[in-house]
């Protein structure tokens, strides 16, 4: 995490059981002072569908618009 030099985004669905790994990464980013966004999509698997997919795409587009 301390080698990341640009804003970072993590998006996870809650159905894959990635909470602990994701929380460890978020903690490391905070400790390293890295600007990041952490987006949680409840009830979604790795491939997002429906409203979760729409929300994820909108978040990604806004993130790229803001940081690229």
Protein backbone atom coordinates (compact mmCIF):
# COMPACT_ATOMS: atom_id res chain seq x y z
CA UNK A 1 0.00 0.00 0.00
CA UNK A 2 2.81 2.45 0.77
CA UNK A 3 4.01 2.23 -2.86
CA UNK A 4 0.69 3.44 -4.30
CA UNK A 5 1.19 7.03 -5.41
CA UNK A 6 -2.17 7.86 -6.94
CA UNK A 7 -5.79 7.71 -5.77
CA UNK A 8 -7.09 4.16 -5.47
CA UNK A 9 -10.54 2.57 -5.56
CA UNK A 10 -11.65 -0.80 -4.27
CA UNK A 11 -15.10 -2.11 -5.16
CA UNK A 12 -16.37 -5.34 -3.62
CA UNK A 13 -19.60 -7.29 -3.56
CA UNK A 14 -20.56 -8.84 -0.25
CA UNK A 15 -21.30 -12.31 -1.63
CA UNK A 16 -17.69 -13.35 -2.29
CA UNK A 17 -16.45 -13.33 1.31
CA UNK A 18 -13.64 -10.86 0.61
CA UNK A 19 -14.30 -8.72 3.67
CA UNK A 20 -11.18 -9.57 5.64
CA UNK A 21 -8.80 -9.21 2.71
CA UNK A 22 -10.45 -5.96 1.66
CA UNK A 23 -10.42 -4.60 5.21
CA UNK A 24 -6.71 -5.41 5.52
CA UNK A 25 -6.02 -3.50 2.30
CA UNK A 26 -8.14 -0.52 3.38
CA UNK A 27 -6.32 -0.48 6.73
CA UNK A 28 -2.95 -0.54 4.96
CA UNK A 29 -4.04 2.31 2.66
CA UNK A 30 -5.13 4.39 5.64
CA UNK A 31 -1.86 3.70 7.46
CA UNK A 32 0.10 4.69 4.34
CA UNK A 33 -1.94 7.88 3.91
CA UNK A 34 -3.19 6.83 0.46
CA UNK A 35 -6.26 8.60 -0.87
CA UNK A 36 -8.76 5.86 -1.70
CA UNK A 37 -12.40 5.02 -2.08
CA UNK A 38 -13.91 1.81 -0.76
CA UNK A 39 -17.22 0.89 -2.37
CA UNK A 40 -19.32 -1.98 -1.00
CA UNK A 41 -22.12 -3.48 -3.09
CA UNK A 42 -24.34 -5.51 -0.74
CA UNK A 43 -25.69 -8.74 -2.15
CA UNK A 44 -23.51 -8.60 -5.26
CA UNK A 45 -21.10 -11.24 -6.52
CA UNK A 46 -17.88 -10.48 -8.40
CA UNK A 47 -19.84 -9.72 -11.59
CA UNK A 48 -22.22 -6.94 -10.62
CA UNK A 49 -25.78 -6.91 -11.98
CA UNK A 50 -28.80 -4.63 -11.94
CA UNK A 51 -28.63 -1.56 -9.74
CA UNK A 52 -25.26 -2.69 -8.34
CA UNK A 53 -23.76 -2.71 -11.82
CA UNK A 54 -25.17 0.73 -12.63
CA UNK A 55 -23.88 2.14 -9.34
CA UNK A 56 -20.41 0.60 -9.80
CA UNK A 57 -20.09 1.98 -13.33
CA UNK A 58 -21.15 5.46 -12.19
CA UNK A 59 -18.64 5.37 -9.32
CA UNK A 60 -15.83 4.26 -11.64
CA UNK A 61 -16.62 6.92 -14.24
CA UNK A 62 -16.73 9.66 -11.57
CA UNK A 63 -13.49 8.39 -10.05
CA UNK A 64 -11.72 8.47 -13.43
CA UNK A 65 -13.17 11.92 -14.22
CA UNK A 66 -11.89 13.25 -10.91
CA UNK A 67 -8.45 11.62 -10.87
CA UNK A 68 -7.30 11.17 -14.48
